[in-house]
Amino acid sequence: MGKRKHPRNIFNRKVTFSVEAASYVGTIDNISTGGVHVITDQPVKMKAGEDVTITLGYADSKTDIKVGRIIWADDSGFGAKFIS
């Protein structure tokens, strides 16, 4: 995974995410305090610079909502930098 400011951790968990008011499902491949790589279940039309809201659910019914800016995207998923 190369040298990064924030080390990435493997994190195989389903998430929902939304871009431009459309919601999708994907799987977090890896995550750090600075960003995330999400594998999408199907191609999603998104591009670098767009904001994405990621909702991560936990077993105790709590959720964590993160907002990120898409750094790159292709038919297999996207990488985003957290902005909040």
N, C-alpha and C. Protein backbone atom coordinates (compact mmCIF):
# COMPACT_ATOMS: atom_id res chain seq x y z
N MET A 1 0.81 -1.19 0.00
CA MET A 1 0.00 0.00 0.00
C MET A 1 0.85 1.25 0.00
N GLY A 2 2.13 1.12 -0.03
CA GLY A 2 3.01 2.27 -0.18
C GLY A 2 3.09 3.12 1.07
N LYS A 3 3.87 4.20 0.95
CA LYS A 3 3.99 5.13 2.07
C LYS A 3 2.81 6.08 2.04
N ARG A 4 2.13 6.15 3.15
CA ARG A 4 0.97 7.02 3.28
C ARG A 4 1.10 7.79 4.59
N LYS A 5 0.45 8.93 4.62
CA LYS A 5 0.44 9.73 5.83
C LYS A 5 -0.25 8.97 6.97
N HIS A 6 -1.32 8.26 6.63
CA HIS A 6 -2.09 7.48 7.60
C HIS A 6 -2.08 6.02 7.16
N PRO A 7 -1.56 5.12 7.98
CA PRO A 7 -1.54 3.70 7.60
C PRO A 7 -2.95 3.16 7.37
N ARG A 8 -3.09 2.35 6.33
CA ARG A 8 -4.38 1.75 6.01
C ARG A 8 -4.54 0.42 6.74
N ASN A 9 -5.78 0.12 7.12
CA ASN A 9 -6.11 -1.14 7.77
C ASN A 9 -7.11 -1.88 6.91
N ILE A 10 -6.88 -3.18 6.70
CA ILE A 10 -7.84 -3.99 5.96
C ILE A 10 -9.13 -4.00 6.77
N PHE A 11 -10.25 -3.81 6.07
CA PHE A 11 -11.53 -3.62 6.76
C PHE A 11 -12.63 -4.10 5.85
N ASN A 12 -12.90 -5.37 5.83
CA ASN A 12 -13.86 -5.96 4.92
C ASN A 12 -15.27 -5.85 5.50
N ARG A 13 -15.94 -4.71 5.24
CA ARG A 13 -17.27 -4.50 5.79
C ARG A 13 -18.17 -3.80 4.78
N LYS A 14 -19.41 -4.27 4.69
CA LYS A 14 -20.40 -3.65 3.82
C LYS A 14 -20.76 -2.25 4.33
N VAL A 15 -20.95 -1.33 3.39
CA VAL A 15 -21.34 0.03 3.74
C VAL A 15 -22.35 0.53 2.72
N THR A 16 -23.09 1.54 3.10
CA THR A 16 -23.89 2.28 2.14
C THR A 16 -23.19 3.61 1.94
N PHE A 17 -23.30 4.13 0.74
CA PHE A 17 -22.72 5.44 0.47
C PHE A 17 -23.61 6.17 -0.51
N SER A 18 -23.53 7.48 -0.48
CA SER A 18 -24.35 8.27 -1.40
C SER A 18 -23.52 9.35 -2.06
N VAL A 19 -23.84 9.56 -3.32
CA VAL A 19 -23.23 10.60 -4.15
C VAL A 19 -24.36 11.25 -4.93
N GLU A 20 -24.42 12.57 -4.87
CA GLU A 20 -25.45 13.29 -5.64
C GLU A 20 -26.85 12.75 -5.37
N ALA A 21 -27.21 12.51 -4.11
CA ALA A 21 -28.54 12.08 -3.66
C ALA A 21 -28.91 10.66 -4.10
N ALA A 22 -28.00 9.90 -4.67
CA ALA A 22 -28.26 8.50 -5.01
C ALA A 22 -27.49 7.62 -4.03
N SER A 23 -28.14 6.55 -3.54
CA SER A 23 -27.50 5.65 -2.57
C SER A 23 -27.08 4.35 -3.22
N TYR A 24 -25.98 3.80 -2.72
CA TYR A 24 -25.39 2.58 -3.26
C TYR A 24 -24.88 1.73 -2.11
N VAL A 25 -24.50 0.48 -2.43
CA VAL A 25 -23.89 -0.43 -1.46
C VAL A 25 -22.53 -0.83 -1.98
N GLY A 26 -21.57 -0.94 -1.07
CA GLY A 26 -20.23 -1.37 -1.42
C GLY A 26 -19.57 -2.04 -0.24
N THR A 27 -18.29 -2.33 -0.37
CA THR A 27 -17.52 -2.96 0.69
C THR A 27 -16.25 -2.16 0.92
N ILE A 28 -16.01 -1.78 2.17
CA ILE A 28 -14.75 -1.10 2.48
C ILE A 28 -13.64 -2.14 2.37
N ASP A 29 -12.67 -1.85 1.53
CA ASP A 29 -11.51 -2.72 1.36
C ASP A 29 -10.45 -2.38 2.40
N ASN A 30 -10.16 -1.08 2.52
CA ASN A 30 -9.23 -0.63 3.56
C ASN A 30 -9.61 0.78 3.97
N ILE A 31 -9.17 1.14 5.17
CA ILE A 31 -9.56 2.42 5.76
C ILE A 31 -8.43 2.93 6.65
N SER A 32 -8.36 4.24 6.79
CA SER A 32 -7.42 4.87 7.72
C SER A 32 -8.11 6.09 8.30
N THR A 33 -7.42 6.81 9.15
CA THR A 33 -8.01 8.04 9.69
C THR A 33 -8.14 9.11 8.60
N GLY A 34 -7.40 8.95 7.50
CA GLY A 34 -7.42 9.95 6.45
C GLY A 34 -8.29 9.64 5.26
N GLY A 35 -8.65 8.35 5.06
CA GLY A 35 -9.42 8.03 3.88
C GLY A 35 -9.85 6.57 3.81
N VAL A 36 -10.44 6.21 2.68
CA VAL A 36 -11.04 4.89 2.52
C VAL A 36 -10.99 4.44 1.07
N HIS A 37 -10.92 3.13 0.86
CA HIS A 37 -11.07 2.52 -0.46
C HIS A 37 -12.31 1.65 -0.39
N VAL A 38 -13.28 1.92 -1.25
CA VAL A 38 -14.53 1.17 -1.29
C VAL A 38 -14.63 0.44 -2.61
N ILE A 39 -14.93 -0.85 -2.53
CA ILE A 39 -15.20 -1.66 -3.72
C ILE A 39 -16.71 -1.62 -3.93
N THR A 40 -17.14 -1.30 -5.14
CA THR A 40 -18.57 -1.20 -5.41
C THR A 40 -19.11 -2.52 -5.96
N ASP A 41 -20.36 -2.79 -5.65
CA ASP A 41 -21.02 -4.01 -6.12
C ASP A 41 -21.35 -3.92 -7.61
N GLN A 42 -21.48 -2.71 -8.10
CA GLN A 42 -21.74 -2.46 -9.52
C GLN A 42 -21.11 -1.13 -9.88
N PRO A 43 -20.84 -0.90 -11.15
CA PRO A 43 -20.25 0.40 -11.52
C PRO A 43 -21.15 1.56 -11.08
N VAL A 44 -20.53 2.59 -10.53
CA VAL A 44 -21.24 3.77 -10.06
C VAL A 44 -20.66 4.98 -10.76
N LYS A 45 -21.50 5.83 -11.29
CA LYS A 45 -21.03 7.02 -11.97
C LYS A 45 -20.63 8.07 -10.93
N MET A 46 -19.34 8.25 -10.77
CA MET A 46 -18.80 9.27 -9.87
C MET A 46 -17.46 9.70 -10.42
N LYS A 47 -17.02 10.87 -9.97
CA LYS A 47 -15.74 11.35 -10.48
C LYS A 47 -14.98 12.07 -9.37
N ALA A 48 -13.69 12.20 -9.60
CA ALA A 48 -12.82 12.89 -8.64
C ALA A 48 -13.36 14.28 -8.36
N GLY A 49 -13.30 14.67 -7.09
CA GLY A 49 -13.76 15.98 -6.68
C GLY A 49 -15.15 16.00 -6.09
N GLU A 50 -15.95 14.96 -6.36
CA GLU A 50 -17.30 14.89 -5.79
C GLU A 50 -17.22 14.47 -4.33
N ASP A 51 -18.21 14.90 -3.55
CA ASP A 51 -18.30 14.48 -2.16
C ASP A 51 -19.13 13.21 -2.06
N VAL A 52 -18.75 12.35 -1.12
CA VAL A 52 -19.45 11.09 -0.88
C VAL A 52 -19.72 10.98 0.61
N THR A 53 -20.91 10.52 0.98
CA THR A 53 -21.26 10.27 2.36
C THR A 53 -21.29 8.77 2.57
N ILE A 54 -20.51 8.29 3.53
CA ILE A 54 -20.39 6.86 3.79
C ILE A 54 -20.98 6.57 5.15
N THR A 55 -21.91 5.60 5.20
CA THR A 55 -22.54 5.21 6.45
C THR A 55 -22.12 3.80 6.80
N LEU A 56 -21.48 3.66 7.93
CA LEU A 56 -20.96 2.38 8.39
C LEU A 56 -21.76 1.94 9.61
N GLY A 57 -22.39 0.77 9.52
CA GLY A 57 -23.17 0.26 10.64
C GLY A 57 -22.36 -0.72 11.47
N TYR A 58 -22.64 -0.75 12.76
CA TYR A 58 -21.97 -1.66 13.69
C TYR A 58 -22.98 -2.63 14.28
N ALA A 59 -22.50 -3.73 14.86
CA ALA A 59 -23.37 -4.77 15.41
C ALA A 59 -24.28 -4.25 16.52
N ASP A 60 -23.85 -3.22 17.24
CA ASP A 60 -24.65 -2.69 18.35
C ASP A 60 -25.66 -1.64 17.89
N SER A 61 -25.96 -1.62 16.59
CA SER A 61 -26.94 -0.70 15.98
C SER A 61 -26.48 0.74 15.89
N LYS A 62 -25.24 1.02 16.26
CA LYS A 62 -24.70 2.36 16.10
C LYS A 62 -24.22 2.53 14.67
N THR A 63 -24.16 3.78 14.21
CA THR A 63 -23.64 4.07 12.88
C THR A 63 -22.61 5.17 12.97
N ASP A 64 -21.73 5.15 12.01
CA ASP A 64 -20.71 6.19 11.89
C ASP A 64 -20.86 6.76 10.48
N ILE A 65 -21.01 8.06 10.39
CA ILE A 65 -21.18 8.71 9.09
C ILE A 65 -19.95 9.57 8.82
N LYS A 66 -19.32 9.31 7.68
CA LYS A 66 -18.14 10.06 7.26
C LYS A 66 -18.42 10.72 5.92
N VAL A 67 -17.90 11.91 5.75
CA VAL A 67 -17.98 12.60 4.46
C VAL A 67 -16.58 12.63 3.87
N GLY A 68 -16.48 12.26 2.61
CA GLY A 68 -15.18 12.25 1.95
C GLY A 68 -15.25 12.92 0.59
N ARG A 69 -14.09 13.21 0.07
CA ARG A 69 -13.98 13.75 -1.28
C ARG A 69 -13.33 12.67 -2.14
N ILE A 70 -13.97 12.34 -3.24
CA ILE A 70 -13.47 11.29 -4.11
C ILE A 70 -12.17 11.73 -4.75
N ILE A 71 -11.13 10.90 -4.61
CA ILE A 71 -9.82 11.17 -5.18
C ILE A 71 -9.69 10.49 -6.53
N TRP A 72 -10.22 9.28 -6.63
CA TRP A 72 -10.23 8.54 -7.89
C TRP A 72 -11.44 7.60 -7.87
N ALA A 73 -11.90 7.23 -9.06
CA ALA A 73 -13.02 6.29 -9.18
C ALA A 73 -12.91 5.56 -10.51
N ASP A 74 -13.30 4.29 -10.50
CA ASP A 74 -13.42 3.52 -11.74
C ASP A 74 -14.58 2.54 -11.55
N ASP A 75 -14.77 1.62 -12.48
CA ASP A 75 -15.91 0.70 -12.42
C ASP A 75 -15.86 -0.25 -11.22
N SER A 76 -14.68 -0.39 -10.59
CA SER A 76 -14.57 -1.33 -9.48
C SER A 76 -14.71 -0.67 -8.11
N GLY A 77 -14.68 0.65 -8.05
CA GLY A 77 -14.80 1.32 -6.77
C GLY A 77 -14.22 2.71 -6.77
N PHE A 78 -13.86 3.19 -5.57
CA PHE A 78 -13.31 4.54 -5.46
C PHE A 78 -12.43 4.67 -4.22
N GLY A 79 -11.61 5.68 -4.24
CA GLY A 79 -10.82 6.08 -3.09
C GLY A 79 -11.24 7.48 -2.71
N ALA A 80 -11.41 7.72 -1.42
CA ALA A 80 -11.84 9.03 -0.96
C ALA A 80 -11.04 9.47 0.26
N LYS A 81 -10.82 10.76 0.35
CA LYS A 81 -10.16 11.38 1.50
C LYS A 81 -11.24 11.93 2.40
N PHE A 82 -11.17 11.61 3.69
CA PHE A 82 -12.18 12.12 4.62
C PHE A 82 -12.02 13.62 4.79
N ILE A 83 -13.16 14.32 4.77
CA ILE A 83 -13.16 15.76 5.00
C ILE A 83 -13.94 16.11 6.27
N SER A 84 -14.65 15.14 6.82
CA SER A 84 -15.30 15.31 8.14
C SER A 84 -15.66 13.97 8.72
